[in-house]
């Protein structure tokens, strides 16, 4: 890499981030988007000035975490259930959540239906309504020339954060459980 690259440079060692880990890249990215959203919320809580600017990256970070977590559950869940691997391409949560939900129901078939399913159903519906393809919080105009986020004039970031924290606690625990089961399955061979 050229020393002129924006990605190369010297500075304090604690600001140098490792990237492209072969085994855990998906998990590192997924967790990274969630942590970045959490850090933004901490910053907003300390000083709520500028929320009209921060709302866009805040929602995008949480939505992208959501998408990556569902894809992770689908991929690892399929492997655990020996139904192949991989996940659907694209960004549509309404395509990912039903598959992830089926996997969760199969892995924990004896469990009662978790109340978090209702929360996730609502979040997927809201994102479908305002940001179905993960572009609305990234661009003011969509690829067809339409204004993004039509019909949405306010977002309470504290409320959004609380709801997404409930979803993340549930889905992160589910993903961790699937990963542990999958590791046990692999070690038994």
C-alpha atoms as a PDB file:
ATOM      1  CA  UNK A   1       0.000   0.000   0.000  1.00  0.00           C
ATOM      2  CA  UNK A   2       1.299   3.411  -0.922  1.00  0.00           C
ATOM      3  CA  UNK A   3       2.259   5.757   1.887  1.00  0.00           C
ATOM      4  CA  UNK A   4       0.029   8.327   0.118  1.00  0.00           C
ATOM      5  CA  UNK A   5      -3.051   6.190   0.767  1.00  0.00           C
ATOM      6  CA  UNK A   6      -5.644   7.553   3.175  1.00  0.00           C
ATOM      7  CA  UNK A   7      -5.626   4.131   4.857  1.00  0.00           C
ATOM      8  CA  UNK A   8      -1.928   4.126   5.590  1.00  0.00           C
ATOM      9  CA  UNK A   9      -0.187   6.348   8.043  1.00  0.00           C
ATOM     10  CA  UNK A  10       1.516   6.665  11.316  1.00  0.00           C
ATOM     11  CA  UNK A  11       0.006   7.815  14.534  1.00  0.00           C
ATOM     12  CA  UNK A  12      -0.646   6.517  17.988  1.00  0.00           C
ATOM     13  CA  UNK A  13      -0.873   2.728  17.881  1.00  0.00           C
ATOM     14  CA  UNK A  14      -4.243   2.573  19.676  1.00  0.00           C
ATOM     15  CA  UNK A  15      -5.852   4.298  16.690  1.00  0.00           C
ATOM     16  CA  UNK A  16      -4.726   1.604  14.264  1.00  0.00           C
ATOM     17  CA  UNK A  17      -7.584  -0.801  13.568  1.00  0.00           C
ATOM     18  CA  UNK A  18      -7.148  -4.295  12.225  1.00  0.00           C
ATOM     19  CA  UNK A  19      -9.428  -5.222   9.336  1.00  0.00           C
ATOM     20  CA  UNK A  20     -10.156  -8.187   7.115  1.00  0.00           C
ATOM     21  CA  UNK A  21      -9.864 -10.957   9.660  1.00  0.00           C
ATOM     22  CA  UNK A  22     -10.730 -14.102   7.692  1.00  0.00           C
ATOM     23  CA  UNK A  23     -12.687 -15.967  10.367  1.00  0.00           C
ATOM     24  CA  UNK A  24     -14.608 -13.241  12.161  1.00  0.00           C
ATOM     25  CA  UNK A  25     -15.012 -10.472   9.553  1.00  0.00           C
ATOM     26  CA  UNK A  26     -18.815 -10.746   9.465  1.00  0.00           C
ATOM     27  CA  UNK A  27     -19.139 -10.642  13.241  1.00  0.00           C
ATOM     28  CA  UNK A  28     -16.648  -7.780  13.585  1.00  0.00           C
ATOM     29  CA  UNK A  29     -18.541  -5.689  11.043  1.00  0.00           C
ATOM     30  CA  UNK A  30     -21.914  -6.518  12.562  1.00  0.00           C
ATOM     31  CA  UNK A  31     -20.788  -5.647  16.075  1.00  0.00           C
ATOM     32  CA  UNK A  32     -18.974  -2.566  14.764  1.00  0.00           C
ATOM     33  CA  UNK A  33     -22.117  -0.991  13.341  1.00  0.00           C
ATOM     34  CA  UNK A  34     -23.989  -1.623  16.588  1.00  0.00           C
ATOM     35  CA  UNK A  35     -21.181  -0.193  18.717  1.00  0.00           C
ATOM     36  CA  UNK A  36     -20.922   2.880  16.512  1.00  0.00           C
ATOM     37  CA  UNK A  37     -24.652   3.482  16.955  1.00  0.00           C
ATOM     38  CA  UNK A  38     -24.275   3.029  20.704  1.00  0.00           C
ATOM     39  CA  UNK A  39     -21.389   5.506  20.776  1.00  0.00           C
ATOM     40  CA  UNK A  40     -23.453   8.056  18.879  1.00  0.00           C
ATOM     41  CA  UNK A  41     -26.281   7.643  21.376  1.00  0.00           C
ATOM     42  CA  UNK A  42     -23.854   8.149  24.270  1.00  0.00           C
ATOM     43  CA  UNK A  43     -22.655  11.329  22.593  1.00  0.00           C
ATOM     44  CA  UNK A  44     -26.216  12.552  21.980  1.00  0.00           C
ATOM     45  CA  UNK A  45     -27.174  11.780  25.571  1.00  0.00           C
ATOM     46  CA  UNK A  46     -24.304  13.935  26.809  1.00  0.00           C
ATOM     47  CA  UNK A  47     -25.070  16.742  24.350  1.00  0.00           C
ATOM     48  CA  UNK A  48     -28.258  16.550  22.259  1.00  0.00           C
ATOM     49  CA  UNK A  49     -27.294  19.470  20.035  1.00  0.00           C
ATOM     50  CA  UNK A  50     -27.258  18.567  16.375  1.00  0.00           C
ATOM     51  CA  UNK A  51     -29.623  15.587  16.467  1.00  0.00           C
ATOM     52  CA  UNK A  52     -31.044  16.714  13.123  1.00  0.00           C
ATOM     53  CA  UNK A  53     -27.641  15.897  11.594  1.00  0.00           C
ATOM     54  CA  UNK A  54     -26.891  12.769  13.592  1.00  0.00           C
ATOM     55  CA  UNK A  55     -30.256  11.083  12.962  1.00  0.00           C
ATOM     56  CA  UNK A  56     -29.165   9.863   9.520  1.00  0.00           C
ATOM     57  CA  UNK A  57     -25.992   7.989  10.492  1.00  0.00           C
ATOM     58  CA  UNK A  58     -27.631   6.860  13.748  1.00  0.00           C
ATOM     59  CA  UNK A  59     -30.549   5.155  12.015  1.00  0.00           C
ATOM     60  CA  UNK A  60     -28.333   3.843   9.211  1.00  0.00           C
ATOM     61  CA  UNK A  61     -25.878   2.245  11.652  1.00  0.00           C
ATOM     62  CA  UNK A  62     -28.666   0.452  13.508  1.00  0.00           C
ATOM     63  CA  UNK A  63     -30.425  -0.612  10.329  1.00  0.00           C
ATOM     64  CA  UNK A  64     -27.225  -1.962   8.833  1.00  0.00           C
ATOM     65  CA  UNK A  65     -26.438  -3.855  12.054  1.00  0.00           C
ATOM     66  CA  UNK A  66     -29.977  -5.315  11.856  1.00  0.00           C
ATOM     67  CA  UNK A  67     -29.444  -6.490   8.278  1.00  0.00           C
ATOM     68  CA  UNK A  68     -26.041  -8.013   9.001  1.00  0.00           C
ATOM     69  CA  UNK A  69     -27.294  -9.768  12.134  1.00  0.00           C
ATOM     70  CA  UNK A  70     -30.217 -11.335  10.256  1.00  0.00           C
ATOM     71  CA  UNK A  71     -27.874 -12.488   7.485  1.00  0.00           C
ATOM     72  CA  UNK A  72     -25.559 -14.000  10.096  1.00  0.00           C
ATOM     73  CA  UNK A  73     -28.414 -15.874  11.755  1.00  0.00           C
ATOM     74  CA  UNK A  74     -29.590 -17.195   8.385  1.00  0.00           C
ATOM     75  CA  UNK A  75     -26.115 -18.318   7.282  1.00  0.00           C
ATOM     76  CA  UNK A  76     -25.054 -19.943  10.546  1.00  0.00           C
ATOM     77  CA  UNK A  77     -28.539 -21.287  11.229  1.00  0.00           C
ATOM     78  CA  UNK A  78     -28.642 -23.009   7.838  1.00  0.00           C
ATOM     79  CA  UNK A  79     -25.264 -24.562   8.563  1.00  0.00           C
ATOM     80  CA  UNK A  80     -26.384 -25.719  11.997  1.00  0.00           C
ATOM     81  CA  UNK A  81     -29.596 -27.210  10.620  1.00  0.00           C
ATOM     82  CA  UNK A  82     -27.608 -28.692   7.729  1.00  0.00           C
ATOM     83  CA  UNK A  83     -29.716 -26.818   5.198  1.00  0.00           C
ATOM     84  CA  UNK A  84     -26.787 -25.346   3.278  1.00  0.00           C
ATOM     85  CA  UNK A  85     -25.210 -21.988   3.924  1.00  0.00           C
ATOM     86  CA  UNK A  86     -25.413 -18.399   2.810  1.00  0.00           C
ATOM     87  CA  UNK A  87     -28.153 -15.817   2.876  1.00  0.00           C
ATOM     88  CA  UNK A  88     -30.243 -13.919   0.335  1.00  0.00           C
ATOM     89  CA  UNK A  89     -28.533 -11.061  -1.445  1.00  0.00           C
ATOM     90  CA  UNK A  90     -29.918  -7.574  -1.121  1.00  0.00           C
ATOM     91  CA  UNK A  91     -30.832  -5.294   1.733  1.00  0.00           C
ATOM     92  CA  UNK A  92     -34.522  -5.936   2.268  1.00  0.00           C
ATOM     93  CA  UNK A  93     -35.222  -6.796   5.894  1.00  0.00           C
ATOM     94  CA  UNK A  94     -38.676  -8.078   4.922  1.00  0.00           C
ATOM     95  CA  UNK A  95     -36.918 -10.813   2.920  1.00  0.00           C
ATOM     96  CA  UNK A  96     -34.399 -11.635   5.646  1.00  0.00           C
ATOM     97  CA  UNK A  97     -36.511 -11.618   8.807  1.00  0.00           C
ATOM     98  CA  UNK A  98     -38.953 -14.410   7.792  1.00  0.00           C
ATOM     99  CA  UNK A  99     -35.995 -16.713   7.034  1.00  0.00           C
ATOM    100  CA  UNK A 100     -34.180 -15.808  10.242  1.00  0.00           C
ATOM    101  CA  UNK A 101     -37.394 -16.275  12.208  1.00  0.00           C
ATOM    102  CA  UNK A 102     -37.950 -19.754  10.712  1.00  0.00           C
ATOM    103  CA  UNK A 103     -34.422 -20.716  11.728  1.00  0.00           C
ATOM    104  CA  UNK A 104     -34.899 -19.402  15.257  1.00  0.00           C
ATOM    105  CA  UNK A 105     -38.166 -21.326  15.535  1.00  0.00           C
ATOM    106  CA  UNK A 106     -36.445 -24.535  14.354  1.00  0.00           C
ATOM    107  CA  UNK A 107     -33.402 -24.165  16.610  1.00  0.00           C
ATOM    108  CA  UNK A 108     -35.529 -23.450  19.675  1.00  0.00           C
ATOM    109  CA  UNK A 109     -38.659 -25.356  18.636  1.00  0.00           C
ATOM    110  CA  UNK A 110     -39.684 -26.249  22.184  1.00  0.00           C
ATOM    111  CA  UNK A 111     -39.652 -22.619  23.333  1.00  0.00           C
ATOM    112  CA  UNK A 112     -42.652 -20.352  23.536  1.00  0.00           C
ATOM    113  CA  UNK A 113     -42.860 -17.672  20.884  1.00  0.00           C
ATOM    114  CA  UNK A 114     -40.591 -14.892  22.165  1.00  0.00           C
ATOM    115  CA  UNK A 115     -42.252 -11.509  22.687  1.00  0.00           C
ATOM    116  CA  UNK A 116     -39.283  -9.972  20.843  1.00  0.00           C
ATOM    117  CA  UNK A 117     -40.756 -11.341  17.600  1.00  0.00           C
ATOM    118  CA  UNK A 118     -43.473  -8.670  17.812  1.00  0.00           C
ATOM    119  CA  UNK A 119     -40.857  -5.959  18.315  1.00  0.00           C
ATOM    120  CA  UNK A 120     -38.842  -7.243  15.353  1.00  0.00           C
ATOM    121  CA  UNK A 121     -41.987  -7.534  13.191  1.00  0.00           C
ATOM    122  CA  UNK A 122     -42.761  -3.864  13.957  1.00  0.00           C
ATOM    123  CA  UNK A 123     -39.187  -2.716  13.235  1.00  0.00           C
ATOM    124  CA  UNK A 124     -39.089  -4.609   9.929  1.00  0.00           C
ATOM    125  CA  UNK A 125     -42.444  -3.068   8.941  1.00  0.00           C
ATOM    126  CA  UNK A 126     -41.218   0.420   9.836  1.00  0.00           C
ATOM    127  CA  UNK A 127     -38.000  -0.003   7.888  1.00  0.00           C
ATOM    128  CA  UNK A 128     -39.961  -1.442   4.955  1.00  0.00           C
ATOM    129  CA  UNK A 129     -42.192   1.613   5.027  1.00  0.00           C
ATOM    130  CA  UNK A 130     -39.418   4.227   5.152  1.00  0.00           C
ATOM    131  CA  UNK A 131     -36.130   2.537   4.185  1.00  0.00           C
ATOM    132  CA  UNK A 132     -36.833  -0.735   2.409  1.00  0.00           C
ATOM    133  CA  UNK A 133     -33.545  -0.900   0.526  1.00  0.00           C
ATOM    134  CA  UNK A 134     -31.165   0.696   3.044  1.00  0.00           C
ATOM    135  CA  UNK A 135     -30.819   3.889   1.026  1.00  0.00           C
ATOM    136  CA  UNK A 136     -33.193   6.396   2.633  1.00  0.00           C
ATOM    137  CA  UNK A 137     -30.912   7.404   5.486  1.00  0.00           C
ATOM    138  CA  UNK A 138     -27.941   7.553   3.119  1.00  0.00           C
ATOM    139  CA  UNK A 139     -29.314   9.697   0.292  1.00  0.00           C
ATOM    140  CA  UNK A 140     -31.873  12.537   0.211  1.00  0.00           C
ATOM    141  CA  UNK A 141     -33.144  11.435  -3.219  1.00  0.00           C
ATOM    142  CA  UNK A 142     -33.612   7.810  -4.303  1.00  0.00           C
ATOM    143  CA  UNK A 143     -32.449   6.308  -7.594  1.00  0.00           C
ATOM    144  CA  UNK A 144     -35.851   7.130  -9.172  1.00  0.00           C
ATOM    145  CA  UNK A 145     -35.579  10.806  -8.219  1.00  0.00           C
ATOM    146  CA  UNK A 146     -38.046  10.612  -5.328  1.00  0.00           C
ATOM    147  CA  UNK A 147     -37.446  12.360  -2.035  1.00  0.00           C
ATOM    148  CA  UNK A 148     -36.349   9.919   0.688  1.00  0.00           C
ATOM    149  CA  UNK A 149     -38.246   9.483   3.946  1.00  0.00           C
ATOM    150  CA  UNK A 150     -41.542  10.825   2.608  1.00  0.00           C
ATOM    151  CA  UNK A 151     -44.183  10.809   5.327  1.00  0.00           C
ATOM    152  CA  UNK A 152     -41.633  10.852   8.130  1.00  0.00           C
ATOM    153  CA  UNK A 153     -40.938  14.181   9.816  1.00  0.00           C
ATOM    154  CA  UNK A 154     -39.528  13.267  13.232  1.00  0.00           C
ATOM    155  CA  UNK A 155     -37.652  10.428  14.910  1.00  0.00           C
ATOM    156  CA  UNK A 156     -37.070  10.284  18.639  1.00  0.00           C
ATOM    157  CA  UNK A 157     -33.559   8.867  18.770  1.00  0.00           C
ATOM    158  CA  UNK A 158     -33.884   7.836  22.413  1.00  0.00           C
ATOM    159  CA  UNK A 159     -36.972   5.753  21.590  1.00  0.00           C
ATOM    160  CA  UNK A 160     -35.341   4.284  18.473  1.00  0.00           C
ATOM    161  CA  UNK A 161     -32.247   3.398  20.471  1.00  0.00           C
ATOM    162  CA  UNK A 162     -34.250   1.678  23.215  1.00  0.00           C
ATOM    163  CA  UNK A 163     -36.190  -0.403  20.692  1.00  0.00           C
ATOM    164  CA  UNK A 164     -33.060  -1.349  18.763  1.00  0.00           C
ATOM    165  CA  UNK A 165     -31.283  -2.259  22.012  1.00  0.00           C
ATOM    166  CA  UNK A 166     -34.116  -4.688  22.817  1.00  0.00           C
ATOM    167  CA  UNK A 167     -33.830  -6.200  19.345  1.00  0.00           C
ATOM    168  CA  UNK A 168     -30.038  -6.402  19.540  1.00  0.00           C
ATOM    169  CA  UNK A 169     -30.036  -8.095  22.928  1.00  0.00           C
ATOM    170  CA  UNK A 170     -32.366 -10.775  21.603  1.00  0.00           C
ATOM    171  CA  UNK A 171     -30.808 -11.296  18.165  1.00  0.00           C
ATOM    172  CA  UNK A 172     -27.215 -11.103  19.416  1.00  0.00           C
ATOM    173  CA  UNK A 173     -27.986 -13.747  22.057  1.00  0.00           C
ATOM    174  CA  UNK A 174     -29.683 -15.927  19.438  1.00  0.00           C
ATOM    175  CA  UNK A 175     -26.725 -15.564  17.070  1.00  0.00           C
ATOM    176  CA  UNK A 176     -24.320 -16.403  19.877  1.00  0.00           C
ATOM    177  CA  UNK A 177     -26.342 -19.500  20.753  1.00  0.00           C
ATOM    178  CA  UNK A 178     -26.419 -20.665  17.138  1.00  0.00           C
ATOM    179  CA  UNK A 179     -22.685 -20.062  16.843  1.00  0.00           C
ATOM    180  CA  UNK A 180     -22.035 -22.124  19.991  1.00  0.00           C
ATOM    181  CA  UNK A 181     -24.245 -24.971  18.770  1.00  0.00           C
ATOM    182  CA  UNK A 182     -22.484 -24.866  15.407  1.00  0.00           C
ATOM    183  CA  UNK A 183     -19.042 -24.957  17.066  1.00  0.00           C
ATOM    184  CA  UNK A 184     -20.151 -27.970  19.137  1.00  0.00           C
ATOM    185  CA  UNK A 185     -21.447 -29.688  16.006  1.00  0.00           C
ATOM    186  CA  UNK A 186     -18.198 -29.043  14.154  1.00  0.00           C
ATOM    187  CA  UNK A 187     -16.041 -30.273  17.037  1.00  0.00           C
ATOM    188  CA  UNK A 188     -18.000 -33.527  17.241  1.00  0.00           C
ATOM    189  CA  UNK A 189     -16.930 -34.472  13.691  1.00  0.00           C
END
